[in-house]
Amino acid sequence: MPTIEQTEKTLGRRLRTGLFTLLAIISCPCHIPILLVVLSGTSLGLLLAAHTVLAVTLLSAIFIASLVVLFRMLRTRSQAP
């Protein structure tokens, strides 16, 4: 039977995995047109429209970094006893 500490560790890992998954989905560069439509009329939408190349570059870097962290977390989870 798992202890409370083990349950909290497992819950924390699942939460972090879910957050990195959400970050990877949101920051995927292919979603920029969707973000432009959803954020149209806002300051963030105007910023994205004015600096699309910079947004694609930054979101691509965030996307790749979040995928690397996510896959490392999943690999260590599968190797854990």
PDB file of N, CA and C in Angstrom:
ATOM      1  N   MET A   1       0.840  -1.177   0.000  1.00  0.00           N
ATOM      2  CA  MET A   1       0.000   0.000   0.000  1.00  0.00           C
ATOM      3  C   MET A   1       0.889   1.246   0.000  1.00  0.00           C
ATOM      4  N   PRO A   2       0.646   2.168  -0.923  1.00  0.00           N
ATOM      5  CA  PRO A   2       1.506   3.349  -0.999  1.00  0.00           C
ATOM      6  C   PRO A   2       1.291   4.286   0.183  1.00  0.00           C
ATOM      7  N   THR A   3       2.384   4.904   0.597  1.00  0.00           N
ATOM      8  CA  THR A   3       2.291   5.863   1.687  1.00  0.00           C
ATOM      9  C   THR A   3       1.793   7.203   1.142  1.00  0.00           C
ATOM     10  N   ILE A   4       1.488   8.101   2.055  1.00  0.00           N
ATOM     11  CA  ILE A   4       1.002   9.431   1.666  1.00  0.00           C
ATOM     12  C   ILE A   4       2.087  10.171   0.893  1.00  0.00           C
ATOM     13  N   GLU A   5       3.338  10.008   1.304  1.00  0.00           N
ATOM     14  CA  GLU A   5       4.447  10.684   0.624  1.00  0.00           C
ATOM     15  C   GLU A   5       4.594  10.183  -0.815  1.00  0.00           C
ATOM     16  N   GLN A   6       4.462   8.877  -1.011  1.00  0.00           N
ATOM     17  CA  GLN A   6       4.549   8.327  -2.366  1.00  0.00           C
ATOM     18  C   GLN A   6       3.384   8.806  -3.225  1.00  0.00           C
ATOM     19  N   THR A   7       2.200   8.896  -2.632  1.00  0.00           N
ATOM     20  CA  THR A   7       1.026   9.373  -3.358  1.00  0.00           C
ATOM     21  C   THR A   7       1.199  10.830  -3.759  1.00  0.00           C
ATOM     22  N   GLU A   8       1.756  11.648  -2.851  1.00  0.00           N
ATOM     23  CA  GLU A   8       1.993  13.061  -3.164  1.00  0.00           C
ATOM     24  C   GLU A   8       3.039  13.210  -4.264  1.00  0.00           C
ATOM     25  N   LYS A   9       4.086  12.372  -4.248  1.00  0.00           N
ATOM     26  CA  LYS A   9       5.101  12.422  -5.306  1.00  0.00           C
ATOM     27  C   LYS A   9       4.472  12.058  -6.652  1.00  0.00           C
ATOM     28  N   THR A  10       3.661  11.021  -6.651  1.00  0.00           N
ATOM     29  CA  THR A  10       3.014  10.591  -7.885  1.00  0.00           C
ATOM     30  C   THR A  10       2.075  11.673  -8.396  1.00  0.00           C
ATOM     31  N   LEU A  11       1.314  12.295  -7.502  1.00  0.00           N
ATOM     32  CA  LEU A  11       0.404  13.366  -7.900  1.00  0.00           C
ATOM     33  C   LEU A  11       1.178  14.566  -8.433  1.00  0.00           C
ATOM     34  N   GLY A  12       2.293  14.902  -7.797  1.00  0.00           N
ATOM     35  CA  GLY A  12       3.124  16.007  -8.261  1.00  0.00           C
ATOM     36  C   GLY A  12       3.712  15.735  -9.640  1.00  0.00           C
ATOM     37  N   ARG A  13       4.158  14.508  -9.862  1.00  0.00           N
ATOM     38  CA  ARG A  13       4.698  14.146 -11.180  1.00  0.00           C
ATOM     39  C   ARG A  13       3.618  14.226 -12.247  1.00  0.00           C
ATOM     40  N   ARG A  14       2.442  13.738 -11.925  1.00  0.00           N
ATOM     41  CA  ARG A  14       1.351  13.783 -12.902  1.00  0.00           C
ATOM     42  C   ARG A  14       0.943  15.217 -13.213  1.00  0.00           C
ATOM     43  N   LEU A  15       0.954  16.072 -12.206  1.00  0.00           N
ATOM     44  CA  LEU A  15       0.610  17.475 -12.412  1.00  0.00           C
ATOM     45  C   LEU A  15       1.651  18.170 -13.288  1.00  0.00           C
ATOM     46  N   ARG A  16       2.936  17.931 -12.990  1.00  0.00           N
ATOM     47  CA  ARG A  16       3.999  18.526 -13.810  1.00  0.00           C
ATOM     48  C   ARG A  16       3.950  18.003 -15.235  1.00  0.00           C
ATOM     49  N   THR A  17       3.699  16.720 -15.399  1.00  0.00           N
ATOM     50  CA  THR A  17       3.588  16.149 -16.743  1.00  0.00           C
ATOM     51  C   THR A  17       2.432  16.787 -17.494  1.00  0.00           C
ATOM     52  N   GLY A  18       1.311  16.964 -16.831  1.00  0.00           N
ATOM     53  CA  GLY A  18       0.163  17.601 -17.462  1.00  0.00           C
ATOM     54  C   GLY A  18       0.425  19.046 -17.825  1.00  0.00           C
ATOM     55  N   LEU A  19       1.125  19.774 -16.964  1.00  0.00           N
ATOM     56  CA  LEU A  19       1.446  21.176 -17.250  1.00  0.00           C
ATOM     57  C   LEU A  19       2.394  21.311 -18.434  1.00  0.00           C
ATOM     58  N   PHE A  20       3.404  20.441 -18.501  1.00  0.00           N
ATOM     59  CA  PHE A  20       4.316  20.499 -19.642  1.00  0.00           C
ATOM     60  C   PHE A  20       3.622  20.068 -20.932  1.00  0.00           C
ATOM     61  N   THR A  21       2.686  19.143 -20.834  1.00  0.00           N
ATOM     62  CA  THR A  21       1.901  18.755 -22.008  1.00  0.00           C
ATOM     63  C   THR A  21       1.062  19.928 -22.489  1.00  0.00           C
ATOM     64  N   LEU A  22       0.403  20.603 -21.582  1.00  0.00           N
ATOM     65  CA  LEU A  22      -0.401  21.773 -21.942  1.00  0.00           C
ATOM     66  C   LEU A  22       0.463  22.879 -22.537  1.00  0.00           C
ATOM     67  N   LEU A  23       1.633  23.111 -21.967  1.00  0.00           N
ATOM     68  CA  LEU A  23       2.542  24.117 -22.494  1.00  0.00           C
ATOM     69  C   LEU A  23       2.990  23.756 -23.908  1.00  0.00           C
ATOM     70  N   ALA A  24       3.270  22.481 -24.149  1.00  0.00           N
ATOM     71  CA  ALA A  24       3.684  22.054 -25.489  1.00  0.00           C
ATOM     72  C   ALA A  24       2.553  22.232 -26.489  1.00  0.00           C
ATOM     73  N   ILE A  25       1.339  21.948 -26.090  1.00  0.00           N
ATOM     74  CA  ILE A  25       0.199  22.100 -26.999  1.00  0.00           C
ATOM     75  C   ILE A  25      -0.045  23.568 -27.320  1.00  0.00           C
ATOM     76  N   ILE A  26      -0.013  24.417 -26.315  1.00  0.00           N
ATOM     77  CA  ILE A  26      -0.289  25.836 -26.533  1.00  0.00           C
ATOM     78  C   ILE A  26       0.824  26.512 -27.327  1.00  0.00           C
ATOM     79  N   SER A  27       2.077  26.141 -27.063  1.00  0.00           N
ATOM     80  CA  SER A  27       3.193  26.822 -27.711  1.00  0.00           C
ATOM     81  C   SER A  27       3.569  26.236 -29.065  1.00  0.00           C
ATOM     82  N   CYS A  28       2.858  25.251 -29.540  1.00  0.00           N
ATOM     83  CA  CYS A  28       3.150  24.667 -30.850  1.00  0.00           C
ATOM     84  C   CYS A  28       3.016  25.756 -31.923  1.00  0.00           C
ATOM     85  N   PRO A  29       4.040  25.930 -32.761  1.00  0.00           N
ATOM     86  CA  PRO A  29       4.010  27.012 -33.750  1.00  0.00           C
ATOM     87  C   PRO A  29       2.869  26.894 -34.762  1.00  0.00           C
ATOM     88  N   CYS A  30       2.352  25.715 -34.961  1.00  0.00           N
ATOM     89  CA  CYS A  30       1.256  25.574 -35.917  1.00  0.00           C
ATOM     90  C   CYS A  30      -0.045  26.167 -35.378  1.00  0.00           C
ATOM     91  N   HIS A  31      -0.081  26.498 -34.094  1.00  0.00           N
ATOM     92  CA  HIS A  31      -1.275  27.080 -33.502  1.00  0.00           C
ATOM     93  C   HIS A  31      -1.300  28.604 -33.554  1.00  0.00           C
ATOM     94  N   ILE A  32      -0.281  29.230 -34.130  1.00  0.00           N
ATOM     95  CA  ILE A  32      -0.242  30.693 -34.184  1.00  0.00           C
ATOM     96  C   ILE A  32      -1.427  31.279 -34.941  1.00  0.00           C
ATOM     97  N   PRO A  33      -1.840  30.722 -36.089  1.00  0.00           N
ATOM     98  CA  PRO A  33      -3.039  31.286 -36.739  1.00  0.00           C
ATOM     99  C   PRO A  33      -4.284  31.207 -35.853  1.00  0.00           C
ATOM    100  N   ILE A  34      -4.406  30.124 -35.109  1.00  0.00           N
ATOM    101  CA  ILE A  34      -5.542  29.986 -34.193  1.00  0.00           C
ATOM    102  C   ILE A  34      -5.438  31.023 -33.081  1.00  0.00           C
ATOM    103  N   LEU A  35      -4.228  31.206 -32.543  1.00  0.00           N
ATOM    104  CA  LEU A  35      -4.036  32.206 -31.496  1.00  0.00           C
ATOM    105  C   LEU A  35      -4.331  33.611 -32.008  1.00  0.00           C
ATOM    106  N   LEU A  36      -3.952  33.886 -33.250  1.00  0.00           N
ATOM    107  CA  LEU A  36      -4.235  35.209 -33.812  1.00  0.00           C
ATOM    108  C   LEU A  36      -5.738  35.461 -33.908  1.00  0.00           C
ATOM    109  N   VAL A  37      -6.502  34.441 -34.285  1.00  0.00           N
ATOM    110  CA  VAL A  37      -7.958  34.605 -34.384  1.00  0.00           C
ATOM    111  C   VAL A  37      -8.577  34.741 -32.997  1.00  0.00           C
ATOM    112  N   VAL A  38      -8.150  33.882 -32.078  1.00  0.00           N
ATOM    113  CA  VAL A  38      -8.728  33.899 -30.732  1.00  0.00           C
ATOM    114  C   VAL A  38      -8.374  35.194 -30.006  1.00  0.00           C
ATOM    115  N   LEU A  39      -7.169  35.668 -30.203  1.00  0.00           N
ATOM    116  CA  LEU A  39      -6.710  36.866 -29.485  1.00  0.00           C
ATOM    117  C   LEU A  39      -6.920  38.153 -30.269  1.00  0.00           C
ATOM    118  N   SER A  40      -7.611  38.089 -31.389  1.00  0.00           N
ATOM    119  CA  SER A  40      -7.829  39.307 -32.171  1.00  0.00           C
ATOM    120  C   SER A  40      -8.636  40.313 -31.346  1.00  0.00           C
ATOM    121  N   GLY A  41      -8.240  41.556 -31.448  1.00  0.00           N
ATOM    122  CA  GLY A  41      -8.897  42.611 -30.687  1.00  0.00           C
ATOM    123  C   GLY A  41      -8.275  42.850 -29.333  1.00  0.00           C
ATOM    124  N   THR A  42      -7.262  42.060 -28.986  1.00  0.00           N
ATOM    125  CA  THR A  42      -6.586  42.262 -27.704  1.00  0.00           C
ATOM    126  C   THR A  42      -5.175  42.784 -27.967  1.00  0.00           C
ATOM    127  N   SER A  43      -4.552  43.255 -26.935  1.00  0.00           N
ATOM    128  CA  SER A  43      -3.179  43.747 -27.066  1.00  0.00           C
ATOM    129  C   SER A  43      -2.221  42.618 -27.437  1.00  0.00           C
ATOM    130  N   LEU A  44      -2.438  41.446 -26.873  1.00  0.00           N
ATOM    131  CA  LEU A  44      -1.579  40.306 -27.188  1.00  0.00           C
ATOM    132  C   LEU A  44      -1.751  39.876 -28.645  1.00  0.00           C
ATOM    133  N   GLY A  45      -2.973  39.922 -29.151  1.00  0.00           N
ATOM    134  CA  GLY A  45      -3.210  39.615 -30.560  1.00  0.00           C
ATOM    135  C   GLY A  45      -2.525  40.602 -31.479  1.00  0.00           C
ATOM    136  N   LEU A  46      -2.561  41.874 -31.117  1.00  0.00           N
ATOM    137  CA  LEU A  46      -1.883  42.906 -31.902  1.00  0.00           C
ATOM    138  C   LEU A  46      -0.370  42.688 -31.874  1.00  0.00           C
ATOM    139  N   LEU A  47       0.159  42.327 -30.719  1.00  0.00           N
ATOM    140  CA  LEU A  47       1.585  42.060 -30.592  1.00  0.00           C
ATOM    141  C   LEU A  47       1.984  40.854 -31.438  1.00  0.00           C
ATOM    142  N   LEU A  48       1.190  39.796 -31.404  1.00  0.00           N
ATOM    143  CA  LEU A  48       1.472  38.619 -32.221  1.00  0.00           C
ATOM    144  C   LEU A  48       1.411  38.936 -33.707  1.00  0.00           C
ATOM    145  N   ALA A  49       0.427  39.716 -34.118  1.00  0.00           N
ATOM    146  CA  ALA A  49       0.283  40.068 -35.529  1.00  0.00           C
ATOM    147  C   ALA A  49       1.430  40.947 -36.000  1.00  0.00           C
ATOM    148  N   ALA A  50       1.898  41.831 -35.155  1.00  0.00           N
ATOM    149  CA  ALA A  50       2.973  42.744 -35.537  1.00  0.00           C
ATOM    150  C   ALA A  50       4.336  42.061 -35.573  1.00  0.00           C
ATOM    151  N   HIS A  51       4.512  41.051 -34.753  1.00  0.00           N
ATOM    152  CA  HIS A  51       5.814  40.387 -34.634  1.00  0.00           C
ATOM    153  C   HIS A  51       5.652  38.871 -34.821  1.00  0.00           C
ATOM    154  N   THR A  52       5.118  38.476 -35.931  1.00  0.00           N
ATOM    155  CA  THR A  52       4.821  37.066 -36.177  1.00  0.00           C
ATOM    156  C   THR A  52       6.092  36.220 -36.235  1.00  0.00           C
ATOM    157  N   VAL A  53       7.118  36.708 -36.891  1.00  0.00           N
ATOM    158  CA  VAL A  53       8.366  35.934 -37.007  1.00  0.00           C
ATOM    159  C   VAL A  53       8.993  35.719 -35.633  1.00  0.00           C
ATOM    160  N   LEU A  54       9.013  36.755 -34.828  1.00  0.00           N
ATOM    161  CA  LEU A  54       9.550  36.628 -33.475  1.00  0.00           C
ATOM    162  C   LEU A  54       8.694  35.666 -32.646  1.00  0.00           C
ATOM    163  N   ALA A  55       7.382  35.756 -32.803  1.00  0.00           N
ATOM    164  CA  ALA A  55       6.486  34.863 -32.066  1.00  0.00           C
ATOM    165  C   ALA A  55       6.700  33.411 -32.466  1.00  0.00           C
ATOM    166  N   VAL A  56       6.858  33.161 -33.760  1.00  0.00           N
ATOM    167  CA  VAL A  56       7.107  31.787 -34.223  1.00  0.00           C
ATOM    168  C   VAL A  56       8.425  31.272 -33.664  1.00  0.00           C
ATOM    169  N   THR A  57       9.443  32.113 -33.658  1.00  0.00           N
ATOM    170  CA  THR A  57      10.750  31.710 -33.142  1.00  0.00           C
ATOM    171  C   THR A  57      10.681  31.394 -31.645  1.00  0.00           C
ATOM    172  N   LEU A  58      10.088  32.284 -30.874  1.00  0.00           N
ATOM    173  CA  LEU A  58      10.001  32.062 -29.427  1.00  0.00           C
ATOM    174  C   LEU A  58       9.110  30.880 -29.078  1.00  0.00           C
ATOM    175  N   LEU A  59       7.970  30.780 -29.742  1.00  0.00           N
ATOM    176  CA  LEU A  59       7.071  29.661 -29.455  1.00  0.00           C
ATOM    177  C   LEU A  59       7.688  28.328 -29.880  1.00  0.00           C
ATOM    178  N   SER A  60       8.467  28.334 -30.952  1.00  0.00           N
ATOM    179  CA  SER A  60       9.158  27.107 -31.360  1.00  0.00           C
ATOM    180  C   SER A  60      10.178  26.679 -30.305  1.00  0.00           C
ATOM    181  N   ALA A  61      10.919  27.637 -29.774  1.00  0.00           N
ATOM    182  CA  ALA A  61      11.897  27.320 -28.731  1.00  0.00           C
ATOM    183  C   ALA A  61      11.210  26.794 -27.472  1.00  0.00           C
ATOM    184  N   ILE A  62      10.111  27.425 -27.079  1.00  0.00           N
ATOM    185  CA  ILE A  62       9.362  26.968 -25.902  1.00  0.00           C
ATOM    186  C   ILE A  62       8.776  25.581 -26.157  1.00  0.00           C
ATOM    187  N   PHE A  63       8.271  25.363 -27.360  1.00  0.00           N
ATOM    188  CA  PHE A  63       7.680  24.077 -27.729  1.00  0.00           C
ATOM    189  C   PHE A  63       8.720  22.957 -27.650  1.00  0.00           C
ATOM    190  N   ILE A  64       9.881  23.179 -28.232  1.00  0.00           N
ATOM    191  CA  ILE A  64      10.928  22.155 -28.231  1.00  0.00           C
ATOM    192  C   ILE A  64      11.428  21.897 -26.812  1.00  0.00           C
ATOM    193  N   ALA A  65      11.621  22.956 -26.042  1.00  0.00           N
ATOM    194  CA  ALA A  65      12.090  22.786 -24.661  1.00  0.00           C
ATOM    195  C   ALA A  65      11.066  22.029 -23.814  1.00  0.00           C
ATOM    196  N   SER A  66       9.801  22.350 -23.973  1.00  0.00           N
ATOM    197  CA  SER A  66       8.783  21.657 -23.180  1.00  0.00           C
ATOM    198  C   SER A  66       8.656  20.194 -23.597  1.00  0.00           C
ATOM    199  N   LEU A  67       8.837  19.895 -24.882  1.00  0.00           N
ATOM    200  CA  LEU A  67       8.807  18.497 -25.317  1.00  0.00           C
ATOM    201  C   LEU A  67       9.997  17.718 -24.770  1.00  0.00           C
ATOM    202  N   VAL A  68      11.176  18.344 -24.755  1.00  0.00           N
ATOM    203  CA  VAL A  68      12.360  17.669 -24.215  1.00  0.00           C
ATOM    204  C   VAL A  68      12.151  17.353 -22.740  1.00  0.00           C
ATOM    205  N   VAL A  69      11.686  18.324 -21.975  1.00  0.00           N
ATOM    206  CA  VAL A  69      11.443  18.101 -20.544  1.00  0.00           C
ATOM    207  C   VAL A  69      10.361  17.044 -20.341  1.00  0.00           C
ATOM    208  N   LEU A  70       9.302  17.113 -21.131  1.00  0.00           N
ATOM    209  CA  LEU A  70       8.209  16.156 -21.010  1.00  0.00           C
ATOM    210  C   LEU A  70       8.684  14.739 -21.297  1.00  0.00           C
ATOM    211  N   PHE A  71       9.445  14.538 -22.367  1.00  0.00           N
ATOM    212  CA  PHE A  71       9.924  13.196 -22.693  1.00  0.00           C
ATOM    213  C   PHE A  71      10.905  12.681 -21.655  1.00  0.00           C
ATOM    214  N   ARG A  72      11.726  13.567 -21.092  1.00  0.00           N
ATOM    215  CA  ARG A  72      12.626  13.136 -20.015  1.00  0.00           C
ATOM    216  C   ARG A  72      11.842  12.710 -18.781  1.00  0.00           C
ATOM    217  N   MET A  73      10.800  13.449 -18.456  1.00  0.00           N
ATOM    218  CA  MET A  73       9.973  13.087 -17.308  1.00  0.00           C
ATOM    219  C   MET A  73       9.292  11.748 -17.540  1.00  0.00           C
ATOM    220  N   LEU A  74       8.795  11.523 -18.733  1.00  0.00           N
ATOM    221  CA  LEU A  74       8.136  10.263 -19.040  1.00  0.00           C
ATOM    222  C   LEU A  74       9.117   9.109 -19.045  1.00  0.00           C
ATOM    223  N   ARG A  75      10.340   9.345 -19.516  1.00  0.00           N
ATOM    224  CA  ARG A  75      11.343   8.279 -19.538  1.00  0.00           C
ATOM    225  C   ARG A  75      11.758   7.896 -18.125  1.00  0.00           C
ATOM    226  N   THR A  76      11.949   8.890 -17.242  1.00  0.00           N
ATOM    227  CA  THR A  76      12.337   8.571 -15.871  1.00  0.00           C
ATOM    228  C   THR A  76      11.185   7.901 -15.125  1.00  0.00           C
ATOM    229  N   ARG A  77       9.956   8.245 -15.470  1.00  0.00           N
ATOM    230  CA  ARG A  77       8.812   7.591 -14.839  1.00  0.00           C
ATOM    231  C   ARG A  77       8.759   6.126 -15.225  1.00  0.00           C
ATOM    232  N   SER A  78       9.039   5.806 -16.496  1.00  0.00           N
ATOM    233  CA  SER A  78       8.969   4.417 -16.929  1.00  0.00           C
ATOM    234  C   SER A  78      10.132   3.596 -16.403  1.00  0.00           C
ATOM    235  N   GLN A  79      11.264   4.240 -16.051  1.00  0.00           N
ATOM    236  CA  GLN A  79      12.404   3.523 -15.522  1.00  0.00           C
ATOM    237  C   GLN A  79      12.342   3.373 -14.011  1.00  0.00           C
ATOM    238  N   ALA A  80      11.456   4.109 -13.352  1.00  0.00           N
ATOM    239  CA  ALA A  80      11.335   4.037 -11.899  1.00  0.00           C
ATOM    240  C   ALA A  80      10.750   2.681 -11.496  1.00  0.00           C
ATOM    241  N   PRO A  81      11.205   2.159 -10.377  1.00  0.00           N
ATOM    242  CA  PRO A  81      10.702   0.842  -9.926  1.00  0.00           C
ATOM    243  C   PRO A  81       9.274   0.877  -9.485  1.00  0.00           C
TER     244      PRO A  81
END
